[in-house]
Protein backbone atom coordinates (compact mmCIF):
# COMPACT_ATOMS: atom_id res chain seq x y z
CA MET A 1 245.53 -48.25 45.48
CA MET A 2 244.54 -47.04 42.02
CA LYS A 3 246.91 -49.57 40.51
CA SER A 4 245.35 -52.35 42.60
CA LYS A 5 241.83 -51.31 41.57
CA SER A 6 242.85 -51.31 37.92
CA LYS A 7 244.32 -54.79 38.28
CA ILE A 8 241.16 -56.06 39.95
CA LYS A 9 239.00 -54.54 37.23
CA GLN A 10 241.05 -56.10 34.45
CA THR A 11 241.20 -59.51 36.09
CA ILE A 12 237.49 -59.64 36.88
CA ILE A 13 236.59 -58.70 33.32
CA TYR A 14 239.00 -61.35 32.03
CA ILE A 15 237.43 -64.01 34.22
CA ILE A 16 233.92 -63.14 33.10
CA CYS A 17 234.92 -62.98 29.46
CA ILE A 18 236.19 -66.56 29.67
CA LEU A 19 232.67 -67.63 30.58
CA VAL A 20 230.96 -65.60 27.87
CA PHE A 21 233.48 -65.43 25.02
CA LEU A 22 231.04 -67.17 22.69
CA CYS A 23 228.24 -64.67 23.32
CA SER A 24 228.58 -63.16 19.86
CA PHE A 25 227.79 -66.56 18.36
CA ALA A 26 224.97 -67.05 20.81
CA SER A 27 223.44 -63.67 19.97
CA ALA A 28 223.71 -64.40 16.28
CA SER A 29 221.80 -67.65 16.76
CA ILE A 30 218.67 -66.05 18.24
CA PRO A 31 215.86 -66.59 15.73
CA ALA A 32 213.77 -63.72 14.40
CA ASN A 33 210.68 -65.22 16.01
CA ALA A 34 212.35 -65.62 19.41
CA ALA A 35 209.33 -64.15 21.18
CA ASP A 36 207.18 -67.02 19.89
CA ILE A 37 209.48 -69.94 20.66
CA ARG A 38 207.96 -72.83 22.63
CA ILE A 39 210.08 -75.14 24.69
CA LEU A 40 209.30 -78.82 25.11
CA PRO A 41 209.29 -79.95 28.76
CA PHE A 42 211.89 -82.45 29.89
CA THR A 43 210.31 -85.84 30.49
CA SER A 44 212.87 -87.04 33.03
CA PRO A 45 215.77 -85.66 35.08
CA LEU A 46 219.41 -86.63 34.92
CA ASP A 47 220.31 -89.74 36.92
CA TYR A 48 221.97 -88.46 40.08
CA SER A 49 222.96 -91.92 41.23
CA LEU A 50 225.71 -91.55 38.62
CA GLU A 51 228.93 -89.94 39.79
CA ASP A 52 229.35 -88.18 36.42
CA ASN A 53 226.33 -85.98 37.17
CA TRP A 54 227.98 -84.42 40.24
CA LEU A 55 230.70 -81.79 40.06
CA TYR A 56 231.24 -81.82 43.84
CA ASP A 57 230.09 -84.91 45.66
CA GLY A 58 230.92 -84.48 49.33
CA VAL A 59 234.21 -82.59 49.11
CA GLY A 60 235.39 -81.67 52.61
CA ASP A 61 234.42 -84.56 54.87
CA ASP A 62 235.72 -82.80 57.99
CA ARG A 63 233.12 -80.02 57.76
CA ALA A 64 230.18 -80.00 60.18
CA VAL A 65 227.62 -78.72 57.66
CA ASP A 66 226.83 -79.26 53.98
CA VAL A 67 226.37 -76.72 51.21
CA PHE A 68 224.24 -77.56 48.18
CA ILE A 69 225.38 -75.15 45.45
CA VAL A 70 223.55 -74.49 42.20
CA ALA A 71 225.61 -73.02 39.37
CA PRO A 72 224.96 -69.70 37.61
CA THR A 73 224.34 -69.43 33.88
CA VAL A 74 227.35 -70.49 31.82
CA ASP A 75 225.64 -71.77 28.66
CA THR A 76 225.83 -69.05 26.00
CA LEU A 77 225.43 -71.39 23.03
CA ASN A 78 222.10 -73.15 23.24
CA GLU A 79 218.70 -71.63 22.59
CA THR A 80 216.78 -73.09 25.50
CA ASN A 81 218.58 -75.49 27.86
CA ALA A 82 222.12 -76.74 28.14
CA VAL A 83 223.26 -80.03 26.64
CA MET A 84 225.60 -82.16 28.73
CA THR A 85 228.69 -81.96 26.54
CA ALA A 86 232.33 -82.00 27.63
CA GLU A 87 232.66 -78.30 26.74
CA TYR A 88 229.61 -77.37 28.81
CA LYS A 89 230.92 -79.31 31.80
CA LYS A 90 234.30 -77.58 31.48
CA ARG A 91 232.75 -74.10 31.56
CA PHE A 92 230.40 -75.19 34.34
CA ARG A 93 233.37 -76.43 36.36
CA ASN A 94 235.37 -73.22 35.90
CA ALA A 95 232.44 -71.07 37.05
CA MET A 96 231.73 -73.28 40.03
CA ASN A 97 235.36 -73.40 41.13
CA GLN A 98 235.02 -69.66 41.70
CA GLN A 99 231.69 -70.02 43.52
CA GLN A 100 232.80 -72.79 45.85
CA ALA A 101 235.68 -70.69 47.21
CA LEU A 102 233.15 -68.83 49.35
CA TYR A 103 232.02 -72.03 51.08
CA ALA A 104 234.86 -74.55 50.93
CA GLU A 105 236.40 -73.66 54.30
CA THR A 106 233.02 -73.90 56.04
CA ALA A 107 230.99 -76.68 54.46
CA ARG A 108 231.13 -80.03 52.72
CA LEU A 109 230.44 -79.34 49.04
CA TYR A 110 227.69 -80.78 46.87
CA ALA A 111 227.03 -79.38 43.40
CA PRO A 112 225.10 -81.19 40.66
CA TYR A 113 225.55 -80.70 36.97
CA TYR A 114 222.20 -79.71 35.50
CA ARG A 115 220.74 -78.76 32.12
CA GLN A 116 220.44 -75.13 33.02
CA MET A 117 218.49 -72.41 31.26
CA ALA A 118 220.78 -71.07 28.52
CA MET A 119 221.59 -67.36 28.33
CA ASN A 120 219.66 -67.03 25.06
CA ALA A 121 216.46 -68.18 26.77
CA TYR A 122 216.42 -64.96 28.79
CA THR A 123 215.76 -63.08 25.53
CA HIS A 124 212.53 -64.97 24.88
CA ASP A 125 209.02 -64.16 26.06
CA PRO A 126 208.13 -64.77 29.72
CA ILE A 127 206.31 -68.04 29.01
CA SER A 128 209.30 -69.49 27.17
CA GLN A 129 211.65 -68.29 29.89
CA GLU A 130 209.64 -70.12 32.52
CA GLU A 131 209.52 -73.25 30.38
CA ALA A 132 213.32 -73.27 30.16
CA ALA A 133 213.69 -72.53 33.88
CA ALA A 134 211.22 -75.31 34.72
CA ASN A 135 213.30 -77.74 32.66
CA ALA A 136 216.42 -76.72 34.56
CA TYR A 137 214.63 -77.14 37.86
CA ILE A 138 213.59 -80.72 37.04
CA ASP A 139 217.28 -81.62 37.29
CA VAL A 140 217.99 -79.46 40.35
CA SER A 141 214.99 -80.84 42.23
CA SER A 142 215.95 -84.42 41.42
CA ALA A 143 219.55 -83.79 42.50
CA PHE A 144 218.42 -82.29 45.80
CA ARG A 145 216.06 -85.20 46.45
CA TYR A 146 218.87 -87.67 45.75
CA TYR A 147 221.17 -85.68 48.03
CA LEU A 148 218.61 -85.72 50.86
CA ASN A 149 217.92 -89.42 50.53
CA ASN A 150 221.46 -90.66 50.03
CA LYS A 151 224.04 -88.11 51.16
CA ASN A 152 222.75 -85.68 53.77
CA GLY A 153 222.23 -87.99 56.73
CA GLY A 154 220.46 -85.33 58.78
CA ARG A 155 223.29 -82.80 58.59
CA PRO A 156 222.73 -79.02 58.60
CA VAL A 157 222.52 -77.50 55.11
CA ILE A 158 223.39 -74.21 53.44
CA LEU A 159 221.62 -73.62 50.13
CA ALA A 160 223.66 -71.47 47.78
CA GLY A 161 223.32 -70.10 44.30
CA TYR A 162 224.22 -67.08 42.25
CA SER A 163 222.02 -65.62 39.47
CA GLN A 164 220.15 -68.57 37.89
CA GLY A 165 221.48 -70.68 40.75
CA ALA A 166 219.75 -68.36 43.21
CA ASP A 167 216.48 -68.70 41.30
CA MET A 168 216.83 -72.47 41.66
CA CYS A 169 217.38 -72.08 45.42
CA TYR A 170 214.09 -70.22 45.78
CA ARG A 171 212.39 -73.05 43.92
CA LEU A 172 213.95 -75.59 46.30
CA LEU A 173 212.57 -73.61 49.22
CA GLN A 174 209.14 -73.56 47.61
CA GLU A 175 209.05 -77.29 46.91
CA PHE A 176 210.83 -78.84 49.88
CA TYR A 177 210.65 -76.44 52.82
CA GLY A 178 206.99 -75.44 53.09
CA GLY A 179 204.02 -76.94 54.86
CA ASP A 180 203.47 -78.94 58.03
CA GLY A 181 204.97 -82.26 56.92
CA ASN A 182 207.71 -83.91 58.96
CA GLU A 183 210.31 -83.65 56.21
CA ALA A 184 209.70 -79.94 55.61
CA ALA A 185 209.83 -79.21 59.34
CA HIS A 186 213.08 -81.17 59.63
CA LEU A 187 214.59 -79.35 56.65
CA ARG A 188 213.65 -75.95 58.08
CA LYS A 189 215.19 -76.92 61.41
CA ASN A 190 218.43 -77.94 59.67
CA LEU A 191 218.67 -74.92 57.37
CA VAL A 192 221.64 -72.73 58.25
CA ALA A 193 220.88 -70.08 55.63
CA VAL A 194 220.26 -69.54 51.92
CA TYR A 195 222.71 -67.41 49.94
CA ALA A 196 220.64 -66.45 46.89
CA ILE A 197 222.84 -63.71 45.45
CA GLY A 198 221.93 -62.01 42.19
CA TRP A 199 218.25 -62.96 42.00
CA PRO A 200 215.52 -60.94 43.70
CA MET A 201 213.37 -61.92 46.63
CA THR A 202 210.08 -60.02 46.64
CA ALA A 203 207.28 -59.32 49.09
CA GLU A 204 204.96 -61.39 46.90
CA MET A 205 207.26 -64.42 47.19
CA VAL A 206 207.53 -64.07 50.96
CA GLU A 207 203.75 -63.75 51.34
CA LYS A 208 203.05 -66.78 49.15
CA TYR A 209 205.84 -68.93 50.59
CA PRO A 210 206.34 -68.17 54.29
CA GLN A 211 209.33 -70.53 54.37
CA ILE A 212 211.19 -67.86 52.37
CA VAL A 213 212.37 -65.64 55.21
CA PRO A 214 214.46 -62.53 54.44
CA ALA A 215 217.62 -62.01 56.48
CA THR A 216 217.46 -58.97 58.77
CA ARG A 217 220.86 -59.08 60.47
CA GLU A 218 224.29 -60.66 60.17
CA ASP A 219 223.64 -63.82 62.19
CA ASP A 220 219.97 -64.82 61.90
CA LEU A 221 219.38 -68.41 60.79
CA GLY A 222 217.16 -70.17 58.28
CA VAL A 223 216.97 -66.95 56.28
CA VAL A 224 217.69 -65.81 52.73
CA ILE A 225 220.60 -63.48 51.99
CA SER A 226 220.01 -61.69 48.69
CA TYR A 227 221.08 -58.61 46.74
CA ASP A 228 221.99 -57.54 43.20
CA CYS A 229 224.43 -54.71 42.44
CA GLU A 230 223.83 -51.58 40.36
CA ASP A 231 225.26 -48.07 40.04
CA GLY A 232 222.11 -46.16 41.07
CA HIS A 233 221.01 -45.12 37.57
CA VAL A 234 219.50 -48.37 36.31
CA LYS A 235 215.72 -48.32 35.81
CA GLY A 236 215.25 -52.02 35.17
CA THR A 237 216.97 -55.29 34.29
CA PHE A 238 215.71 -58.79 33.65
CA ILE A 239 217.00 -59.54 37.15
CA ILE A 240 215.00 -56.73 38.80
CA PRO A 241 212.49 -55.44 36.23
CA GLU A 242 211.32 -51.84 36.43
CA GLY A 243 208.49 -51.60 38.93
CA THR A 244 209.77 -54.53 40.99
CA LYS A 245 211.24 -53.99 44.45
CA ALA A 246 213.71 -56.57 45.70
CA ILE A 247 214.15 -57.46 49.35
CA SER A 248 217.87 -57.16 49.96
CA ILE A 249 220.44 -57.06 52.71
CA ASN A 250 223.65 -55.05 52.58
CA PRO A 251 226.68 -57.39 52.89
CA LEU A 252 228.77 -54.61 54.46
CA ASN A 253 226.61 -53.46 57.37
CA TRP A 254 223.98 -56.24 57.30
CA ARG A 255 221.13 -53.76 57.31
CA THR A 256 217.98 -53.88 55.21
CA ASP A 257 217.40 -50.12 55.08
CA SER A 258 219.18 -47.51 52.98
CA VAL A 259 221.87 -46.53 55.50
CA VAL A 260 225.14 -46.19 53.61
CA ALA A 261 227.90 -48.65 54.47
CA SER A 262 231.30 -47.04 54.08
CA LYS A 263 233.95 -48.72 51.99
CA LYS A 264 235.92 -48.99 55.23
CA LEU A 265 233.56 -51.85 56.11
CA ASN A 266 234.52 -53.73 52.94
CA LYS A 267 237.06 -56.32 54.08
CA GLY A 268 238.06 -57.33 50.59
CA SER A 269 237.16 -57.36 46.92
CA VAL A 270 238.97 -60.18 45.16
CA THR A 271 240.23 -61.57 41.92
CA GLN A 272 240.25 -65.31 41.36
CA ASP A 273 241.99 -67.71 39.03
CA SER A 274 239.53 -68.33 36.22
CA LYS A 275 239.97 -72.11 36.33
CA THR A 276 240.76 -73.09 39.91
CA GLY A 277 238.91 -70.34 41.77
CA ALA A 278 242.02 -69.63 43.86
CA ILE A 279 242.18 -66.07 45.24
CA THR A 280 244.91 -64.17 43.39
CA SER A 281 244.48 -60.77 45.05
CA VAL A 282 242.47 -59.11 47.81
CA THR A 283 241.87 -55.35 48.00
CA PRO A 284 240.23 -54.05 51.20
CA HIS A 285 238.05 -50.91 51.19
CA MET A 286 237.30 -51.14 47.48
CA CYS A 287 233.74 -49.84 47.62
CA GLY A 288 230.85 -48.95 49.87
CA ALA A 289 227.17 -49.69 49.27
CA TYR A 290 223.59 -48.91 50.22
CA ILE A 291 220.18 -50.35 49.35
CA ASP A 292 218.12 -48.38 46.84
CA PRO A 293 214.85 -47.46 48.65
CA VAL A 294 212.83 -47.79 45.43
CA ARG A 295 214.31 -50.78 43.55
CA GLY A 296 215.80 -52.63 46.50
CA SER A 297 218.99 -53.19 44.53
CA LEU A 298 222.39 -52.76 46.17
CA ILE A 299 223.95 -49.51 44.99
CA VAL A 300 227.72 -49.73 44.85
CA GLN A 301 229.72 -46.58 45.53
CA ASP A 302 233.34 -45.52 45.00
CA ILE A 303 233.86 -47.31 41.66
CA ASN A 304 233.43 -46.04 38.10
CA THR A 305 230.69 -47.55 35.99
CA THR A 306 232.96 -47.57 32.96
CA ASP A 307 235.48 -49.71 34.84
CA TYR A 308 232.83 -52.37 35.51
CA PRO A 309 230.92 -52.83 32.25
CA PRO A 310 227.93 -55.17 32.01
CA VAL A 311 229.90 -57.30 29.46
CA LEU A 312 226.72 -58.95 28.17
CA ASP A 313 224.24 -57.07 25.98
CA ILE A 314 221.40 -58.49 28.06
CA PHE A 315 222.37 -56.10 30.89
CA PRO A 316 222.17 -52.28 30.71
CA GLU A 317 225.04 -49.95 31.56
CA GLY A 318 225.25 -49.58 35.29
CA SER A 319 224.34 -53.17 36.08
CA TYR A 320 227.04 -54.71 38.26
CA HIS A 321 225.32 -58.10 38.33
CA LEU A 322 228.40 -59.96 37.14
CA TYR A 323 230.43 -58.57 40.05
CA ASP A 324 228.00 -59.36 42.89
CA ASN A 325 230.32 -61.84 44.60
CA PHE A 326 233.71 -60.39 43.65
CA LEU A 327 233.07 -56.96 45.17
CA PHE A 328 232.10 -58.22 48.65
CA PHE A 329 233.82 -61.60 48.69
CA VAL A 330 235.58 -61.44 52.07
CA ASN A 331 232.51 -60.09 53.89
CA LEU A 332 230.35 -62.84 52.37
CA LYS A 333 232.83 -65.57 53.20
CA GLU A 334 233.13 -64.43 56.82
CA ASN A 335 229.35 -64.20 57.12
CA ILE A 336 228.91 -67.76 55.87
CA GLN A 337 231.25 -68.91 58.63
CA LEU A 338 229.54 -66.68 61.22
CA ARG A 339 226.06 -68.01 60.52
CA THR A 340 227.39 -71.57 60.51
CA ASN A 341 229.06 -71.04 63.88
CA ARG A 342 225.85 -69.56 65.31
CA PHE A 343 223.86 -72.53 64.02
CA LEU A 344 226.26 -75.07 65.54
CA GLU A 345 226.33 -73.17 68.85
CA LYS A 346 222.53 -73.09 68.96
CA ARG A 347 222.27 -76.78 68.12
CA ASN A 348 224.79 -77.69 70.82
CA ILE A 349 222.89 -75.66 73.43
CA THR A 350 219.60 -77.26 72.36
CA ASP A 351 221.08 -80.76 72.44
CA LYS A 352 222.50 -80.23 75.94
CA SER A 353 219.17 -78.96 77.24
CA ALA A 354 217.21 -81.86 75.78
């Protein structure tokens, strides 16, 4: 088992390093007055009627539901927002091939390219960060609108995103899923679940946007599944700042309290091919976890912090953010299928009773 854990550790770190190998150049490019940088707003989104602006455009026609996936941060070169170059699309594609493996057996895949917030932008002041995120969301919002109008056809939807992608999912919920309008009501009715891993949901968000509903068990529907991993010694990160409490659910026991889930409940931590996303190894019972009662982060047990370094300087020691999906991959994948099955069963019962 120790040999398997070592192999997983080495492979995961290798995969992540592929995505961030230019970080040293990115860090060197941060200007001295980074805190004062201002970001010009995008004046128009990408044109999502063009096939080139979609990474996945309906892959998996035999699936009964759709998943709209928003990519995590892969741009470590630009100062504010990504530029749609061939190199950016390549790195975007490699990262998303790993993400889609969670959903591909359950849902038809849609994933837009977008001019995401670059990693460097997270080092700027809060106003500049929001300006860069707002630019990214202009593309994501436009892609989702195009998807709804031209591709969805009334089908059930899973929203999915990791890290920055999860932030974009919350924004989609805020814009499209709230209020008493017919479209919003229809979208809420057709929402299987939202997998917003690696970006916090807070009580303030839930109060302001009642369409953001935290998951409370393994099979509730129309809810948000969220957590971010740490070792129990972290005081704050830019994901969950100190003084913020995230609303999380434990992907091992599907509880929202601090009851410890044994590693025996972990059905498999994985390694994936860095380009195709194919699973190269699965190790059951790798680690247990519980929810920190103060920070709301997911505390991972049974692994050594030194074996899972933060990799990026933007994260403190003890942040397992980059491993959020890898560590609980099999449990997440099975849960995606479970919630989808529950949704389809409920819809069938409702249709028959109509």
